Amino acid sequence: MYSKPLFDQNCRQCIRLDEFLCEVKQKHPDYHARPVAPFGDSQAQLLIVGLAPGMHGANATGRPFTGDYAGLLLYEALYEFGYSNQIKSESLTDGLMLKNCRITNAVKCLPPQNKPTTDEIKQCNEYLAAELKTLPEQAVILALGLVAHQAVLKAYGLKQSTSKFTHNAQHVLPEGRTLVDSYHSSRYNVQTKRLTHEMFAEVFRTISFLLK
């Protein structure tokens, strides 16, 4: 029986995204500018789901949340709570390793204006669904932002109305897994203090409790 792979480096199913990435690659020949693979421990109990690669972050470096502002608070927290051997993620060759944690995105390609369409999210959701199936029982999924939250529910075939997105909220998922919500670690959220270091730390304390 055919099963969807977790990731396809050569995926070009979303025409708008593919054309945009080709334009970006022409302007920035040294950028990754292709689908960005999940990064981290293949046996992780914690899966972090973001929205999509950032233009000068993951889209440039080829690693989720690496090279842009959105990754600063995230990797700092991962280091603080023992999931990473380094406090910063700068490039594929910086020696950073994750333990018991993996990072992925709801949409694997950079979308124009960081806004994927509903159809693009739906198309890429098959990869997320396949990745979720690899998680162990009692795993925790951290959704960074509303789109990631909705993508996880969709991947499980759950109605959006069953679980409302709220910062640091916990939602029961099939097979004993738990979805935990957090505001996205974007520059806007951090600089406006919608998401502070303490708020983010509290989310990771929730995760630590769940994994114990």
C-alpha atoms as a PDB file:
ATOM      1  CA  MET A   1       0.000   0.000   0.000  1.00  0.00           C
ATOM      2  CA  TYR A   2       1.305   3.475  -0.919  1.00  0.00           C
ATOM      3  CA  SER A   3       2.125   5.699   2.020  1.00  0.00           C
ATOM      4  CA  LYS A   4       3.001   9.368   1.898  1.00  0.00           C
ATOM      5  CA  PRO A   5       6.688  10.119   2.632  1.00  0.00           C
ATOM      6  CA  LEU A   6       7.524  12.448   5.493  1.00  0.00           C
ATOM      7  CA  PHE A   7       9.278  14.847   3.155  1.00  0.00           C
ATOM      8  CA  ASP A   8      10.015  15.334  -0.533  1.00  0.00           C
ATOM      9  CA  GLN A   9      12.944  17.615  -1.380  1.00  0.00           C
ATOM     10  CA  ASN A  10      11.791  17.749  -5.006  1.00  0.00           C
ATOM     11  CA  CYS A  11       8.116  18.475  -4.352  1.00  0.00           C
ATOM     12  CA  ARG A  12       6.657  20.967  -6.823  1.00  0.00           C
ATOM     13  CA  GLN A  13       2.955  20.316  -6.317  1.00  0.00           C
ATOM     14  CA  CYS A  14       2.066  23.905  -5.403  1.00  0.00           C
ATOM     15  CA  ILE A  15       2.617  25.870  -8.604  1.00  0.00           C
ATOM     16  CA  ARG A  16       2.517  29.307  -6.932  1.00  0.00           C
ATOM     17  CA  LEU A  17       5.121  28.298  -4.352  1.00  0.00           C
ATOM     18  CA  ASP A  18       7.341  26.594  -6.907  1.00  0.00           C
ATOM     19  CA  GLU A  19       7.356  29.659  -9.163  1.00  0.00           C
ATOM     20  CA  PHE A  20       8.067  31.925  -6.200  1.00  0.00           C
ATOM     21  CA  LEU A  21      10.990  29.774  -5.066  1.00  0.00           C
ATOM     22  CA  CYS A  22      12.446  29.867  -8.581  1.00  0.00           C
ATOM     23  CA  GLU A  23      12.272  33.677  -8.488  1.00  0.00           C
ATOM     24  CA  VAL A  24      13.926  33.750  -5.064  1.00  0.00           C
ATOM     25  CA  LYS A  25      16.690  31.407  -6.244  1.00  0.00           C
ATOM     26  CA  GLN A  26      17.458  33.758  -9.146  1.00  0.00           C
ATOM     27  CA  LYS A  27      17.761  36.726  -6.771  1.00  0.00           C
ATOM     28  CA  HIS A  28      19.639  34.739  -4.118  1.00  0.00           C
ATOM     29  CA  PRO A  29      21.609  31.928  -5.813  1.00  0.00           C
ATOM     30  CA  ASP A  30      23.193  30.851  -2.527  1.00  0.00           C
ATOM     31  CA  TYR A  31      19.824  30.333  -0.786  1.00  0.00           C
ATOM     32  CA  HIS A  32      18.353  26.862  -0.232  1.00  0.00           C
ATOM     33  CA  ALA A  33      15.074  27.996  -1.842  1.00  0.00           C
ATOM     34  CA  ARG A  34      13.446  24.556  -1.941  1.00  0.00           C
ATOM     35  CA  PRO A  35      11.249  22.623   0.507  1.00  0.00           C
ATOM     36  CA  VAL A  36      12.820  22.645   3.974  1.00  0.00           C
ATOM     37  CA  ALA A  37      13.183  19.263   5.673  1.00  0.00           C
ATOM     38  CA  PRO A  38      12.229  18.565   9.296  1.00  0.00           C
ATOM     39  CA  PHE A  39      15.220  18.836  11.628  1.00  0.00           C
ATOM     40  CA  GLY A  40      16.134  16.976  14.787  1.00  0.00           C
ATOM     41  CA  ASP A  41      15.783  13.658  16.566  1.00  0.00           C
ATOM     42  CA  SER A  42      13.979  11.024  14.473  1.00  0.00           C
ATOM     43  CA  GLN A  43      12.742   9.344  17.692  1.00  0.00           C
ATOM     44  CA  ALA A  44      11.679  12.577  19.381  1.00  0.00           C
ATOM     45  CA  GLN A  45       8.851  12.752  21.906  1.00  0.00           C
ATOM     46  CA  LEU A  46       8.470  16.474  21.182  1.00  0.00           C
ATOM     47  CA  LEU A  47       7.539  17.703  17.707  1.00  0.00           C
ATOM     48  CA  ILE A  48       7.474  21.464  17.169  1.00  0.00           C
ATOM     49  CA  VAL A  49       5.338  22.666  14.257  1.00  0.00           C
ATOM     50  CA  GLY A  50       5.854  26.122  12.783  1.00  0.00           C
ATOM     51  CA  LEU A  51       4.074  27.885   9.935  1.00  0.00           C
ATOM     52  CA  ALA A  52       6.519  27.909   7.005  1.00  0.00           C
ATOM     53  CA  PRO A  53      10.164  28.775   6.193  1.00  0.00           C
ATOM     54  CA  GLY A  54      11.110  32.443   6.486  1.00  0.00           C
ATOM     55  CA  MET A  55      12.600  34.237   3.477  1.00  0.00           C
ATOM     56  CA  HIS A  56      16.016  34.915   5.008  1.00  0.00           C
ATOM     57  CA  GLY A  57      15.806  32.160   7.610  1.00  0.00           C
ATOM     58  CA  ALA A  58      14.999  28.534   6.815  1.00  0.00           C
ATOM     59  CA  ASN A  59      14.497  29.334   3.141  1.00  0.00           C
ATOM     60  CA  ALA A  60      18.078  30.574   3.044  1.00  0.00           C
ATOM     61  CA  THR A  61      19.756  28.063   5.357  1.00  0.00           C
ATOM     62  CA  GLY A  62      17.726  24.909   4.778  1.00  0.00           C
ATOM     63  CA  ARG A  63      17.002  24.350   8.499  1.00  0.00           C
ATOM     64  CA  PRO A  64      13.736  25.309  10.261  1.00  0.00           C
ATOM     65  CA  PHE A  65      13.894  28.536  12.297  1.00  0.00           C
ATOM     66  CA  THR A  66      17.569  29.049  11.447  1.00  0.00           C
ATOM     67  CA  GLY A  67      19.101  32.352  10.421  1.00  0.00           C
ATOM     68  CA  ASP A  68      16.212  34.672  11.251  1.00  0.00           C
ATOM     69  CA  TYR A  69      14.640  36.386  14.254  1.00  0.00           C
ATOM     70  CA  ALA A  70      11.913  33.791  14.761  1.00  0.00           C
ATOM     71  CA  GLY A  71      14.483  31.188  15.753  1.00  0.00           C
ATOM     72  CA  LEU A  72      16.204  33.229  18.469  1.00  0.00           C
ATOM     73  CA  LEU A  73      13.688  32.660  21.244  1.00  0.00           C
ATOM     74  CA  LEU A  74      12.920  29.106  20.097  1.00  0.00           C
ATOM     75  CA  TYR A  75      16.483  27.777  20.146  1.00  0.00           C
ATOM     76  CA  GLU A  76      17.210  29.658  23.359  1.00  0.00           C
ATOM     77  CA  ALA A  77      14.313  27.807  24.990  1.00  0.00           C
ATOM     78  CA  LEU A  78      15.370  24.476  23.504  1.00  0.00           C
ATOM     79  CA  TYR A  79      18.839  24.942  24.975  1.00  0.00           C
ATOM     80  CA  GLU A  80      17.476  26.081  28.340  1.00  0.00           C
ATOM     81  CA  PHE A  81      15.245  23.012  28.654  1.00  0.00           C
ATOM     82  CA  GLY A  82      17.833  20.508  27.489  1.00  0.00           C
ATOM     83  CA  TYR A  83      16.662  19.795  23.948  1.00  0.00           C
ATOM     84  CA  SER A  84      19.634  21.410  22.188  1.00  0.00           C
ATOM     85  CA  ASN A  85      23.407  21.412  22.628  1.00  0.00           C
ATOM     86  CA  GLN A  86      23.677  25.057  21.514  1.00  0.00           C
ATOM     87  CA  ILE A  87      21.792  28.234  22.296  1.00  0.00           C
ATOM     88  CA  LYS A  88      21.804  29.496  18.694  1.00  0.00           C
ATOM     89  CA  SER A  89      21.066  27.948  15.315  1.00  0.00           C
ATOM     90  CA  GLU A  90      22.969  29.668  12.540  1.00  0.00           C
ATOM     91  CA  SER A  91      23.672  27.224   9.695  1.00  0.00           C
ATOM     92  CA  LEU A  92      23.625  23.559   8.668  1.00  0.00           C
ATOM     93  CA  THR A  93      27.304  23.318   9.592  1.00  0.00           C
ATOM     94  CA  ASP A  94      27.207  24.908  13.066  1.00  0.00           C
ATOM     95  CA  GLY A  95      27.239  21.591  14.925  1.00  0.00           C
ATOM     96  CA  LEU A  96      23.833  22.050  16.543  1.00  0.00           C
ATOM     97  CA  MET A  97      22.014  18.858  17.533  1.00  0.00           C
ATOM     98  CA  LEU A  98      18.567  18.336  19.028  1.00  0.00           C
ATOM     99  CA  LYS A  99      17.770  15.668  21.631  1.00  0.00           C
ATOM    100  CA  ASN A 100      14.253  14.233  21.978  1.00  0.00           C
ATOM    101  CA  CYS A 101      12.949  17.089  19.812  1.00  0.00           C
ATOM    102  CA  ARG A 102      12.239  17.648  16.123  1.00  0.00           C
ATOM    103  CA  ILE A 103      11.138  20.797  14.308  1.00  0.00           C
ATOM    104  CA  THR A 104       8.966  20.877  11.202  1.00  0.00           C
ATOM    105  CA  ASN A 105       6.571  23.250   9.435  1.00  0.00           C
ATOM    106  CA  ALA A 106       2.932  23.084   8.391  1.00  0.00           C
ATOM    107  CA  VAL A 107       4.061  24.251   4.942  1.00  0.00           C
ATOM    108  CA  LYS A 108       7.527  23.165   3.821  1.00  0.00           C
ATOM    109  CA  CYS A 109       8.091  25.923   1.220  1.00  0.00           C
ATOM    110  CA  LEU A 110       8.450  29.681   1.566  1.00  0.00           C
ATOM    111  CA  PRO A 111       5.136  31.383   0.671  1.00  0.00           C
ATOM    112  CA  PRO A 112       4.915  34.956  -0.661  1.00  0.00           C
ATOM    113  CA  GLN A 113       4.439  37.430   2.215  1.00  0.00           C
ATOM    114  CA  ASN A 114       4.706  34.428   4.589  1.00  0.00           C
ATOM    115  CA  LYS A 115       1.057  33.646   3.829  1.00  0.00           C
ATOM    116  CA  PRO A 116       0.310  30.205   2.372  1.00  0.00           C
ATOM    117  CA  THR A 117      -3.100  29.714   0.808  1.00  0.00           C
ATOM    118  CA  THR A 118      -5.672  27.287   2.186  1.00  0.00           C
ATOM    119  CA  ASP A 119      -4.987  24.934  -0.741  1.00  0.00           C
ATOM    120  CA  GLU A 120      -1.224  25.040  -0.103  1.00  0.00           C
ATOM    121  CA  ILE A 121      -1.700  24.211   3.562  1.00  0.00           C
ATOM    122  CA  LYS A 122      -4.007  21.361   2.564  1.00  0.00           C
ATOM    123  CA  GLN A 123      -1.549  20.036  -0.023  1.00  0.00           C
ATOM    124  CA  CYS A 124       1.349  19.998   2.435  1.00  0.00           C
ATOM    125  CA  ASN A 125      -0.786  18.581   5.241  1.00  0.00           C
ATOM    126  CA  GLU A 126      -0.248  15.068   3.892  1.00  0.00           C
ATOM    127  CA  TYR A 127       3.437  15.318   4.799  1.00  0.00           C
ATOM    128  CA  LEU A 128       2.607  16.544   8.299  1.00  0.00           C
ATOM    129  CA  ALA A 129       0.095  13.723   8.762  1.00  0.00           C
ATOM    130  CA  ALA A 130       2.736  11.184   7.744  1.00  0.00           C
ATOM    131  CA  GLU A 131       5.224  12.698  10.192  1.00  0.00           C
ATOM    132  CA  LEU A 132       2.735  12.650  13.055  1.00  0.00           C
ATOM    133  CA  LYS A 133       2.248   8.924  12.535  1.00  0.00           C
ATOM    134  CA  THR A 134       5.917   8.342  13.379  1.00  0.00           C
ATOM    135  CA  LEU A 135       5.615   9.891  16.849  1.00  0.00           C
ATOM    136  CA  PRO A 136       5.634   7.630  19.900  1.00  0.00           C
ATOM    137  CA  GLU A 137       2.583   7.340  22.129  1.00  0.00           C
ATOM    138  CA  GLN A 138       2.385  10.077  24.767  1.00  0.00           C
ATOM    139  CA  ALA A 139       4.287  12.436  22.452  1.00  0.00           C
ATOM    140  CA  VAL A 140       3.752  16.190  22.683  1.00  0.00           C
ATOM    141  CA  ILE A 141       3.202  18.421  19.661  1.00  0.00           C
ATOM    142  CA  LEU A 142       3.922  22.117  20.126  1.00  0.00           C
ATOM    143  CA  ALA A 143       2.073  24.311  17.640  1.00  0.00           C
ATOM    144  CA  LEU A 144       3.641  27.727  17.126  1.00  0.00           C
ATOM    145  CA  GLY A 145       0.730  29.880  16.034  1.00  0.00           C
ATOM    146  CA  LEU A 146      -2.831  29.364  14.848  1.00  0.00           C
ATOM    147  CA  VAL A 147      -1.991  27.988  11.388  1.00  0.00           C
ATOM    148  CA  ALA A 148       0.238  25.280  12.871  1.00  0.00           C
ATOM    149  CA  HIS A 149      -2.480  24.465  15.434  1.00  0.00           C
ATOM    150  CA  GLN A 150      -5.073  24.105  12.688  1.00  0.00           C
ATOM    151  CA  ALA A 151      -2.707  22.046  10.534  1.00  0.00           C
ATOM    152  CA  VAL A 152      -2.143  19.527  13.323  1.00  0.00           C
ATOM    153  CA  LEU A 153      -5.883  19.124  13.893  1.00  0.00           C
ATOM    154  CA  LYS A 154      -6.431  18.681  10.173  1.00  0.00           C
ATOM    155  CA  ALA A 155      -3.683  16.077   9.960  1.00  0.00           C
ATOM    156  CA  TYR A 156      -5.496  14.089  12.656  1.00  0.00           C
ATOM    157  CA  GLY A 157      -8.837  14.504  10.902  1.00  0.00           C
ATOM    158  CA  LEU A 158     -10.244  16.503  13.817  1.00  0.00           C
ATOM    159  CA  LYS A 159     -12.714  19.364  13.540  1.00  0.00           C
ATOM    160  CA  GLN A 160     -11.271  22.803  14.188  1.00  0.00           C
ATOM    161  CA  SER A 161     -14.095  23.533  16.612  1.00  0.00           C
ATOM    162  CA  THR A 162     -12.954  20.744  18.952  1.00  0.00           C
ATOM    163  CA  SER A 163      -9.853  22.610  20.130  1.00  0.00           C
ATOM    164  CA  LYS A 164      -9.579  26.390  20.344  1.00  0.00           C
ATOM    165  CA  PHE A 165      -6.127  27.927  19.946  1.00  0.00           C
ATOM    166  CA  THR A 166      -5.024  29.570  23.201  1.00  0.00           C
ATOM    167  CA  HIS A 167      -1.501  30.249  24.410  1.00  0.00           C
ATOM    168  CA  ASN A 168      -0.249  27.404  26.627  1.00  0.00           C
ATOM    169  CA  ALA A 169      -3.497  25.460  26.167  1.00  0.00           C
ATOM    170  CA  GLN A 170      -3.414  21.649  26.091  1.00  0.00           C
ATOM    171  CA  HIS A 171      -5.546  19.525  23.768  1.00  0.00           C
ATOM    172  CA  VAL A 172      -5.965  15.754  23.848  1.00  0.00           C
ATOM    173  CA  LEU A 173      -5.052  13.985  20.610  1.00  0.00           C
ATOM    174  CA  PRO A 174      -5.402  10.346  19.525  1.00  0.00           C
ATOM    175  CA  GLU A 175      -2.972   7.689  20.831  1.00  0.00           C
ATOM    176  CA  GLY A 176      -2.317   9.520  24.084  1.00  0.00           C
ATOM    177  CA  ARG A 177      -0.626  12.471  22.433  1.00  0.00           C
ATOM    178  CA  THR A 178      -1.092  16.089  23.462  1.00  0.00           C
ATOM    179  CA  LEU A 179      -1.172  19.290  21.439  1.00  0.00           C
ATOM    180  CA  VAL A 180       0.215  22.344  23.231  1.00  0.00           C
ATOM    181  CA  ASP A 181      -0.291  25.837  21.795  1.00  0.00           C
ATOM    182  CA  SER A 182       2.027  28.833  21.843  1.00  0.00           C
ATOM    183  CA  TYR A 183       2.073  32.175  20.145  1.00  0.00           C
ATOM    184  CA  HIS A 184       4.583  32.095  17.292  1.00  0.00           C
ATOM    185  CA  SER A 185       8.107  33.263  18.133  1.00  0.00           C
ATOM    186  CA  SER A 186       7.993  35.875  15.367  1.00  0.00           C
ATOM    187  CA  ARG A 187       9.750  39.228  15.574  1.00  0.00           C
ATOM    188  CA  TYR A 188       6.383  41.001  15.829  1.00  0.00           C
ATOM    189  CA  ASN A 189       5.117  38.853  18.717  1.00  0.00           C
ATOM    190  CA  VAL A 190       8.365  39.109  20.651  1.00  0.00           C
ATOM    191  CA  GLN A 191       8.918  42.830  20.142  1.00  0.00           C
ATOM    192  CA  THR A 192       5.305  43.689  21.035  1.00  0.00           C
ATOM    193  CA  LYS A 193       5.634  41.377  24.060  1.00  0.00           C
ATOM    194  CA  ARG A 194       2.681  39.294  22.974  1.00  0.00           C
ATOM    195  CA  LEU A 195       5.158  36.482  23.598  1.00  0.00           C
ATOM    196  CA  THR A 196       7.776  36.998  26.293  1.00  0.00           C
ATOM    197  CA  HIS A 197      10.640  34.782  27.411  1.00  0.00           C
ATOM    198  CA  GLU A 198       8.718  33.862  30.568  1.00  0.00           C
ATOM    199  CA  MET A 199       5.552  33.030  28.621  1.00  0.00           C
ATOM    200  CA  PHE A 200       7.534  30.770  26.309  1.00  0.00           C
ATOM    201  CA  ALA A 201       9.342  29.169  29.237  1.00  0.00           C
ATOM    202  CA  GLU A 202       5.986  28.410  30.827  1.00  0.00           C
ATOM    203  CA  VAL A 203       4.980  26.519  27.676  1.00  0.00           C
ATOM    204  CA  PHE A 204       8.120  24.407  27.918  1.00  0.00           C
ATOM    205  CA  ARG A 205       7.458  23.746  31.585  1.00  0.00           C
ATOM    206  CA  THR A 206       4.037  22.454  30.548  1.00  0.00           C
ATOM    207  CA  ILE A 207       5.722  20.204  27.994  1.00  0.00           C
ATOM    208  CA  SER A 208       8.221  18.937  30.564  1.00  0.00           C
ATOM    209  CA  PHE A 209       5.357  18.000  32.887  1.00  0.00           C
ATOM    210  CA  LEU A 210       3.504  16.170  30.109  1.00  0.00           C
ATOM    211  CA  LEU A 211       6.557  14.198  29.002  1.00  0.00           C
ATOM    212  CA  LYS A 212       7.266  13.067  32.566  1.00  0.00           C
END
